[in-house]
Amino acid sequence: MSSMSPAELRPGTVVTVQMKGLFRMAHHFALVTAKTGPDGLPLVVANSGETGGPAEQSWTSFVKGRSHRAFYPSDLAPRTVLYNAYAMFGTRYDFFHWNCEHFANACHGRPAQSHQVRSGVAALAMMMVGGLALVAARA
């Protein structure tokens, strides 16, 4: 992972920023486009509940003052990655089945999955089992 300057990132690069609030351990994913936004930085394409699905947004509104990480997870050409991204406009955001990480993976030709959701569900299940075991032990 790299934290290169936004202007140095090639189109199709996945960028992530740490979420705010309750989901601080999670990261929000987007793809760098070949377009420049009003802030002079690359526009990104992100799938979020805020926009209801994949949409372009400025670098500044995506990052919101947070540091970013960047990586290119496939051998697909940037043009192909962005073609895939724009072809998915009109799909509906779904936290569990079609979030920002699902979207970024699918654009790169990888399985549309979210390791963050999977890990979160597993952690929640473990906490519930532990809680039930504690209740059973006290009974």
N, C-alpha and C. Protein backbone atom coordinates (compact mmCIF):
# COMPACT_ATOMS: atom_id res chain seq x y z
N MET A 1 0.84 -1.18 0.00
CA MET A 1 0.00 0.00 0.00
C MET A 1 0.88 1.24 0.00
N SER A 2 0.39 2.25 -0.65
CA SER A 2 1.15 3.48 -0.81
C SER A 2 0.28 4.66 -0.39
N SER A 3 0.90 5.74 -0.01
CA SER A 3 0.16 6.97 0.28
C SER A 3 0.67 8.08 -0.64
N MET A 4 0.82 7.76 -1.93
CA MET A 4 1.29 8.71 -2.94
C MET A 4 0.36 9.92 -3.01
N SER A 5 0.89 11.00 -3.52
CA SER A 5 0.10 12.19 -3.77
C SER A 5 -1.04 11.84 -4.73
N PRO A 6 -2.24 12.40 -4.54
CA PRO A 6 -3.36 12.09 -5.43
C PRO A 6 -3.04 12.32 -6.90
N ALA A 7 -2.29 13.35 -7.21
CA ALA A 7 -1.96 13.67 -8.60
C ALA A 7 -1.07 12.60 -9.23
N GLU A 8 -0.38 11.80 -8.43
CA GLU A 8 0.52 10.77 -8.93
C GLU A 8 -0.16 9.42 -9.15
N LEU A 9 -1.39 9.28 -8.69
CA LEU A 9 -2.09 8.00 -8.76
C LEU A 9 -2.65 7.77 -10.16
N ARG A 10 -2.43 6.58 -10.69
CA ARG A 10 -2.94 6.29 -12.03
C ARG A 10 -4.42 5.95 -11.95
N PRO A 11 -5.16 6.23 -13.01
CA PRO A 11 -6.59 5.88 -13.02
C PRO A 11 -6.79 4.40 -12.73
N GLY A 12 -7.87 4.11 -12.01
CA GLY A 12 -8.18 2.73 -11.62
C GLY A 12 -7.61 2.33 -10.29
N THR A 13 -6.69 3.14 -9.74
CA THR A 13 -6.11 2.84 -8.44
C THR A 13 -7.20 2.87 -7.37
N VAL A 14 -7.16 1.92 -6.46
CA VAL A 14 -8.08 1.90 -5.32
C VAL A 14 -7.49 2.77 -4.23
N VAL A 15 -8.28 3.69 -3.70
CA VAL A 15 -7.86 4.49 -2.56
C VAL A 15 -8.81 4.20 -1.41
N THR A 16 -8.27 4.18 -0.19
CA THR A 16 -9.09 3.95 0.99
C THR A 16 -8.80 5.02 2.03
N VAL A 17 -9.83 5.33 2.80
CA VAL A 17 -9.69 6.22 3.95
C VAL A 17 -10.42 5.59 5.12
N GLN A 18 -9.93 5.86 6.31
CA GLN A 18 -10.57 5.32 7.51
C GLN A 18 -11.93 5.98 7.70
N MET A 19 -12.92 5.17 8.03
CA MET A 19 -14.27 5.69 8.28
C MET A 19 -14.28 6.49 9.58
N LYS A 20 -15.25 7.36 9.70
CA LYS A 20 -15.43 8.13 10.93
C LYS A 20 -16.56 7.53 11.75
N GLY A 21 -16.67 7.97 12.97
CA GLY A 21 -17.78 7.56 13.82
C GLY A 21 -17.68 6.13 14.29
N LEU A 22 -18.82 5.45 14.28
CA LEU A 22 -18.96 4.10 14.80
C LEU A 22 -18.08 3.08 14.08
N PHE A 23 -17.81 3.32 12.80
CA PHE A 23 -17.08 2.34 11.99
C PHE A 23 -15.60 2.69 11.82
N ARG A 24 -14.97 3.26 12.82
CA ARG A 24 -13.59 3.72 12.72
C ARG A 24 -12.59 2.65 12.29
N MET A 25 -12.89 1.40 12.55
CA MET A 25 -11.96 0.33 12.17
C MET A 25 -12.10 -0.04 10.70
N ALA A 26 -13.16 0.42 10.06
CA ALA A 26 -13.41 0.10 8.66
C ALA A 26 -12.86 1.20 7.75
N HIS A 27 -12.72 0.86 6.48
CA HIS A 27 -12.23 1.81 5.49
C HIS A 27 -13.23 1.96 4.36
N HIS A 28 -13.29 3.18 3.81
CA HIS A 28 -14.12 3.49 2.65
C HIS A 28 -13.24 3.39 1.41
N PHE A 29 -13.74 2.73 0.36
CA PHE A 29 -12.99 2.48 -0.87
C PHE A 29 -13.52 3.31 -2.03
N ALA A 30 -12.62 3.74 -2.91
CA ALA A 30 -13.01 4.43 -4.14
C ALA A 30 -11.95 4.14 -5.20
N LEU A 31 -12.27 4.48 -6.44
CA LEU A 31 -11.34 4.33 -7.56
C LEU A 31 -10.98 5.71 -8.11
N VAL A 32 -9.72 5.91 -8.39
CA VAL A 32 -9.26 7.14 -9.01
C VAL A 32 -9.70 7.12 -10.48
N THR A 33 -10.23 8.24 -10.97
CA THR A 33 -10.61 8.34 -12.39
C THR A 33 -9.53 9.10 -13.15
N ALA A 34 -9.76 9.26 -14.44
CA ALA A 34 -8.84 10.03 -15.30
C ALA A 34 -9.27 11.49 -15.37
N LYS A 35 -10.32 11.86 -14.62
CA LYS A 35 -10.85 13.23 -14.64
C LYS A 35 -10.32 14.03 -13.45
N THR A 36 -10.29 15.33 -13.62
CA THR A 36 -9.87 16.23 -12.54
C THR A 36 -11.10 16.98 -12.02
N GLY A 37 -11.20 17.08 -10.71
CA GLY A 37 -12.34 17.75 -10.11
C GLY A 37 -12.09 19.23 -9.89
N PRO A 38 -13.07 19.92 -9.33
CA PRO A 38 -12.96 21.36 -9.08
C PRO A 38 -11.86 21.72 -8.08
N ASP A 39 -11.41 20.73 -7.30
CA ASP A 39 -10.33 20.97 -6.33
C ASP A 39 -8.95 20.78 -6.97
N GLY A 40 -8.93 20.48 -8.30
CA GLY A 40 -7.67 20.29 -9.01
C GLY A 40 -7.07 18.89 -8.82
N LEU A 41 -7.76 18.06 -8.11
CA LEU A 41 -7.31 16.69 -7.82
C LEU A 41 -8.20 15.71 -8.58
N PRO A 42 -7.78 14.45 -8.67
CA PRO A 42 -8.58 13.48 -9.44
C PRO A 42 -9.98 13.30 -8.84
N LEU A 43 -10.95 13.11 -9.72
CA LEU A 43 -12.25 12.67 -9.25
C LEU A 43 -12.11 11.20 -8.89
N VAL A 44 -12.94 10.73 -7.98
CA VAL A 44 -12.99 9.31 -7.65
C VAL A 44 -14.40 8.80 -7.91
N VAL A 45 -14.52 7.49 -8.06
CA VAL A 45 -15.81 6.84 -8.14
C VAL A 45 -15.92 5.98 -6.89
N ALA A 46 -16.98 6.22 -6.14
CA ALA A 46 -17.20 5.47 -4.90
C ALA A 46 -18.63 4.97 -4.86
N ASN A 47 -18.84 3.84 -4.22
CA ASN A 47 -20.17 3.30 -3.99
C ASN A 47 -20.47 3.54 -2.52
N SER A 48 -21.47 4.35 -2.25
CA SER A 48 -21.77 4.65 -0.85
C SER A 48 -23.26 4.80 -0.61
N GLY A 49 -23.64 4.67 0.64
CA GLY A 49 -25.02 4.90 1.02
C GLY A 49 -25.41 6.35 0.83
N GLU A 50 -24.44 7.24 0.95
CA GLU A 50 -24.67 8.67 0.77
C GLU A 50 -25.20 8.99 -0.62
N THR A 51 -24.65 8.32 -1.64
CA THR A 51 -25.07 8.56 -3.02
C THR A 51 -26.06 7.50 -3.52
N GLY A 52 -26.28 6.44 -2.74
CA GLY A 52 -27.22 5.40 -3.10
C GLY A 52 -26.67 4.37 -4.07
N GLY A 53 -25.43 4.54 -4.50
CA GLY A 53 -24.79 3.65 -5.45
C GLY A 53 -23.54 4.29 -5.99
N PRO A 54 -22.90 3.69 -6.96
CA PRO A 54 -21.66 4.25 -7.51
C PRO A 54 -21.90 5.64 -8.12
N ALA A 55 -20.98 6.55 -7.81
CA ALA A 55 -21.07 7.92 -8.32
C ALA A 55 -19.70 8.58 -8.25
N GLU A 56 -19.51 9.60 -9.07
CA GLU A 56 -18.27 10.38 -9.01
C GLU A 56 -18.36 11.36 -7.85
N GLN A 57 -17.21 11.64 -7.26
CA GLN A 57 -17.12 12.70 -6.27
C GLN A 57 -15.71 13.26 -6.27
N SER A 58 -15.59 14.46 -5.76
CA SER A 58 -14.27 15.09 -5.73
C SER A 58 -13.38 14.39 -4.72
N TRP A 59 -12.09 14.50 -4.95
CA TRP A 59 -11.11 13.94 -4.03
C TRP A 59 -11.34 14.48 -2.63
N THR A 60 -11.51 15.79 -2.53
CA THR A 60 -11.67 16.45 -1.23
C THR A 60 -12.90 15.93 -0.49
N SER A 61 -14.02 15.74 -1.19
CA SER A 61 -15.22 15.26 -0.49
C SER A 61 -15.10 13.79 -0.12
N PHE A 62 -14.31 13.01 -0.86
CA PHE A 62 -14.09 11.61 -0.48
C PHE A 62 -13.17 11.50 0.72
N VAL A 63 -12.04 12.19 0.67
CA VAL A 63 -11.03 12.07 1.71
C VAL A 63 -11.46 12.76 3.00
N LYS A 64 -12.11 13.91 2.90
CA LYS A 64 -12.59 14.68 4.06
C LYS A 64 -11.50 14.89 5.11
N GLY A 65 -10.29 15.24 4.64
CA GLY A 65 -9.19 15.55 5.55
C GLY A 65 -8.46 14.36 6.14
N ARG A 66 -8.88 13.15 5.78
CA ARG A 66 -8.23 11.95 6.31
C ARG A 66 -7.09 11.53 5.40
N SER A 67 -6.11 10.83 5.96
CA SER A 67 -5.02 10.31 5.12
C SER A 67 -5.56 9.13 4.32
N HIS A 68 -4.94 8.88 3.18
CA HIS A 68 -5.40 7.81 2.30
C HIS A 68 -4.30 6.79 2.07
N ARG A 69 -4.73 5.62 1.65
CA ARG A 69 -3.83 4.57 1.19
C ARG A 69 -4.24 4.25 -0.24
N ALA A 70 -3.29 3.78 -1.03
CA ALA A 70 -3.59 3.47 -2.42
C ALA A 70 -2.94 2.16 -2.84
N PHE A 71 -3.63 1.41 -3.68
CA PHE A 71 -3.07 0.17 -4.21
C PHE A 71 -3.78 -0.17 -5.52
N TYR A 72 -3.15 -0.98 -6.32
CA TYR A 72 -3.71 -1.43 -7.60
C TYR A 72 -3.76 -2.96 -7.55
N PRO A 73 -4.94 -3.53 -7.25
CA PRO A 73 -5.02 -4.96 -6.93
C PRO A 73 -5.15 -5.95 -8.09
N SER A 74 -5.00 -5.50 -9.32
CA SER A 74 -5.16 -6.43 -10.44
C SER A 74 -4.21 -6.10 -11.57
N ASP A 75 -4.25 -6.94 -12.58
CA ASP A 75 -3.46 -6.71 -13.79
C ASP A 75 -4.31 -6.06 -14.89
N LEU A 76 -5.56 -5.75 -14.58
CA LEU A 76 -6.42 -5.12 -15.59
C LEU A 76 -5.90 -3.73 -15.94
N ALA A 77 -6.08 -3.35 -17.18
CA ALA A 77 -5.69 -2.01 -17.63
C ALA A 77 -6.59 -0.97 -16.96
N PRO A 78 -6.06 0.21 -16.66
CA PRO A 78 -6.89 1.25 -16.05
C PRO A 78 -8.18 1.53 -16.82
N ARG A 79 -8.09 1.51 -18.14
CA ARG A 79 -9.28 1.78 -18.97
C ARG A 79 -10.36 0.72 -18.70
N THR A 80 -9.96 -0.53 -18.54
CA THR A 80 -10.91 -1.61 -18.27
C THR A 80 -11.53 -1.46 -16.89
N VAL A 81 -10.71 -1.12 -15.91
CA VAL A 81 -11.21 -0.93 -14.54
C VAL A 81 -12.27 0.17 -14.52
N LEU A 82 -11.96 1.29 -15.18
CA LEU A 82 -12.91 2.41 -15.19
C LEU A 82 -14.15 2.10 -16.03
N TYR A 83 -13.98 1.35 -17.12
CA TYR A 83 -15.14 0.92 -17.89
C TYR A 83 -16.08 0.11 -16.99
N ASN A 84 -15.50 -0.82 -16.24
CA ASN A 84 -16.29 -1.63 -15.31
C ASN A 84 -17.00 -0.75 -14.29
N ALA A 85 -16.30 0.24 -13.76
CA ALA A 85 -16.88 1.12 -12.74
C ALA A 85 -18.08 1.89 -13.28
N TYR A 86 -17.90 2.51 -14.44
CA TYR A 86 -19.00 3.30 -14.99
C TYR A 86 -20.15 2.43 -15.46
N ALA A 87 -19.86 1.19 -15.86
CA ALA A 87 -20.92 0.26 -16.26
C ALA A 87 -21.80 -0.12 -15.07
N MET A 88 -21.29 0.05 -13.85
CA MET A 88 -22.04 -0.31 -12.65
C MET A 88 -22.85 0.86 -12.08
N PHE A 89 -22.78 2.02 -12.72
CA PHE A 89 -23.62 3.13 -12.29
C PHE A 89 -25.08 2.67 -12.44
N GLY A 90 -25.91 3.06 -11.51
CA GLY A 90 -27.31 2.63 -11.53
C GLY A 90 -27.57 1.44 -10.62
N THR A 91 -26.51 0.77 -10.14
CA THR A 91 -26.72 -0.30 -9.17
C THR A 91 -26.96 0.36 -7.81
N ARG A 92 -27.63 -0.33 -6.92
CA ARG A 92 -28.01 0.23 -5.62
C ARG A 92 -27.04 -0.23 -4.53
N TYR A 93 -26.63 0.72 -3.71
CA TYR A 93 -25.76 0.43 -2.56
C TYR A 93 -26.49 -0.47 -1.58
N ASP A 94 -25.76 -1.43 -1.02
CA ASP A 94 -26.27 -2.30 0.02
C ASP A 94 -25.09 -2.62 0.94
N PHE A 95 -25.19 -2.25 2.19
CA PHE A 95 -24.08 -2.41 3.13
C PHE A 95 -23.51 -3.82 3.15
N PHE A 96 -24.38 -4.82 3.19
CA PHE A 96 -23.93 -6.20 3.32
C PHE A 96 -23.58 -6.87 1.99
N HIS A 97 -24.21 -6.46 0.89
CA HIS A 97 -24.04 -7.18 -0.37
C HIS A 97 -23.43 -6.37 -1.52
N TRP A 98 -23.40 -5.04 -1.42
CA TRP A 98 -22.88 -4.21 -2.52
C TRP A 98 -22.39 -2.88 -1.95
N ASN A 99 -21.32 -2.94 -1.15
CA ASN A 99 -20.77 -1.72 -0.57
C ASN A 99 -19.54 -1.27 -1.35
N CYS A 100 -18.82 -0.32 -0.83
CA CYS A 100 -17.67 0.27 -1.53
C CYS A 100 -16.57 -0.75 -1.81
N GLU A 101 -16.37 -1.69 -0.91
CA GLU A 101 -15.33 -2.70 -1.11
C GLU A 101 -15.76 -3.73 -2.15
N HIS A 102 -17.03 -4.16 -2.12
CA HIS A 102 -17.54 -5.05 -3.16
C HIS A 102 -17.32 -4.41 -4.53
N PHE A 103 -17.68 -3.14 -4.63
CA PHE A 103 -17.59 -2.39 -5.88
C PHE A 103 -16.15 -2.32 -6.39
N ALA A 104 -15.22 -1.92 -5.53
CA ALA A 104 -13.81 -1.79 -5.94
C ALA A 104 -13.26 -3.13 -6.42
N ASN A 105 -13.58 -4.20 -5.70
CA ASN A 105 -13.12 -5.53 -6.12
C ASN A 105 -13.71 -5.92 -7.47
N ALA A 106 -15.01 -5.71 -7.66
CA ALA A 106 -15.67 -6.07 -8.91
C ALA A 106 -15.09 -5.28 -10.09
N CYS A 107 -14.79 -4.02 -9.89
CA CYS A 107 -14.22 -3.21 -10.96
C CYS A 107 -12.88 -3.75 -11.42
N HIS A 108 -12.14 -4.36 -10.53
CA HIS A 108 -10.84 -4.93 -10.85
C HIS A 108 -10.94 -6.40 -11.28
N GLY A 109 -12.17 -6.87 -11.53
CA GLY A 109 -12.36 -8.24 -12.02
C GLY A 109 -12.18 -9.29 -10.94
N ARG A 110 -12.20 -8.86 -9.70
CA ARG A 110 -12.07 -9.79 -8.57
C ARG A 110 -13.47 -10.13 -8.06
N PRO A 111 -13.60 -11.17 -7.23
CA PRO A 111 -14.92 -11.48 -6.67
C PRO A 111 -15.47 -10.27 -5.90
N ALA A 112 -16.74 -9.98 -6.12
CA ALA A 112 -17.39 -8.85 -5.45
C ALA A 112 -17.68 -9.24 -4.00
N GLN A 113 -16.67 -9.08 -3.16
CA GLN A 113 -16.82 -9.43 -1.75
C GLN A 113 -16.21 -8.35 -0.88
N SER A 114 -16.62 -8.35 0.38
CA SER A 114 -16.10 -7.39 1.33
C SER A 114 -15.50 -8.14 2.52
N HIS A 115 -14.20 -8.07 2.63
CA HIS A 115 -13.52 -8.71 3.76
C HIS A 115 -13.92 -8.03 5.07
N GLN A 116 -14.19 -6.72 4.99
CA GLN A 116 -14.57 -5.98 6.20
C GLN A 116 -15.91 -6.47 6.74
N VAL A 117 -16.89 -6.66 5.86
CA VAL A 117 -18.20 -7.15 6.30
C VAL A 117 -18.06 -8.56 6.85
N ARG A 118 -17.34 -9.41 6.11
CA ARG A 118 -17.16 -10.80 6.56
C ARG A 118 -16.49 -10.84 7.93
N SER A 119 -15.44 -10.05 8.13
CA SER A 119 -14.74 -10.02 9.41
C SER A 119 -15.63 -9.47 10.51
N GLY A 120 -16.41 -8.45 10.19
CA GLY A 120 -17.32 -7.85 11.18
C GLY A 120 -18.40 -8.82 11.62
N VAL A 121 -18.97 -9.53 10.67
CA VAL A 121 -20.01 -10.52 11.00
C VAL A 121 -19.42 -11.64 11.84
N ALA A 122 -18.22 -12.10 11.49
CA ALA A 122 -17.56 -13.16 12.25
C ALA A 122 -17.26 -12.70 13.68
N ALA A 123 -16.78 -11.46 13.82
CA ALA A 123 -16.48 -10.94 15.16
C ALA A 123 -17.75 -10.81 15.99
N LEU A 124 -18.82 -10.36 15.36
CA LEU A 124 -20.10 -10.22 16.06
C LEU A 124 -20.60 -11.60 16.51
N ALA A 125 -20.48 -12.58 15.64
CA ALA A 125 -20.92 -13.94 15.98
C ALA A 125 -20.11 -14.49 17.16
N MET A 126 -18.80 -14.23 17.15
CA MET A 126 -17.95 -14.71 18.24
C MET A 126 -18.33 -14.03 19.56
N MET A 127 -18.64 -12.74 19.51
CA MET A 127 -19.05 -12.03 20.72
C MET A 127 -20.37 -12.58 21.25
N MET A 128 -21.28 -12.89 20.33
CA MET A 128 -22.58 -13.42 20.77
C MET A 128 -22.41 -14.80 21.39
N VAL A 129 -21.59 -15.64 20.78
CA VAL A 129 -21.34 -16.99 21.34
C VAL A 129 -20.67 -16.86 22.70
N GLY A 130 -19.71 -15.95 22.80
CA GLY A 130 -19.05 -15.73 24.09
C GLY A 130 -20.03 -15.24 25.15
N GLY A 131 -20.94 -14.34 24.74
CA GLY A 131 -21.95 -13.84 25.68
C GLY A 131 -22.89 -14.95 26.13
N LEU A 132 -23.30 -15.78 25.19
CA LEU A 132 -24.18 -16.91 25.54
C LEU A 132 -23.47 -17.89 26.47
N ALA A 133 -22.19 -18.13 26.21
CA ALA A 133 -21.43 -19.03 27.07
C ALA A 133 -21.32 -18.46 28.48
N LEU A 134 -21.13 -17.15 28.57
CA LEU A 134 -21.04 -16.50 29.87
C LEU A 134 -22.36 -16.60 30.63
N VAL A 135 -23.47 -16.37 29.93
CA VAL A 135 -24.80 -16.48 30.54
C VAL A 135 -25.04 -17.93 30.99
N ALA A 136 -24.69 -18.90 30.15
CA ALA A 136 -24.88 -20.31 30.49
C ALA A 136 -24.04 -20.70 31.71
N ALA A 137 -22.83 -20.16 31.80
CA ALA A 137 -21.94 -20.49 32.91
C ALA A 137 -22.48 -19.93 34.22
N ARG A 138 -23.21 -18.81 34.14
CA ARG A 138 -23.75 -18.19 35.36
C ARG A 138 -25.08 -18.82 35.78
N ALA A 139 -25.68 -19.55 34.88
CA ALA A 139 -27.01 -20.13 35.19
C ALA A 139 -26.94 -21.38 36.04
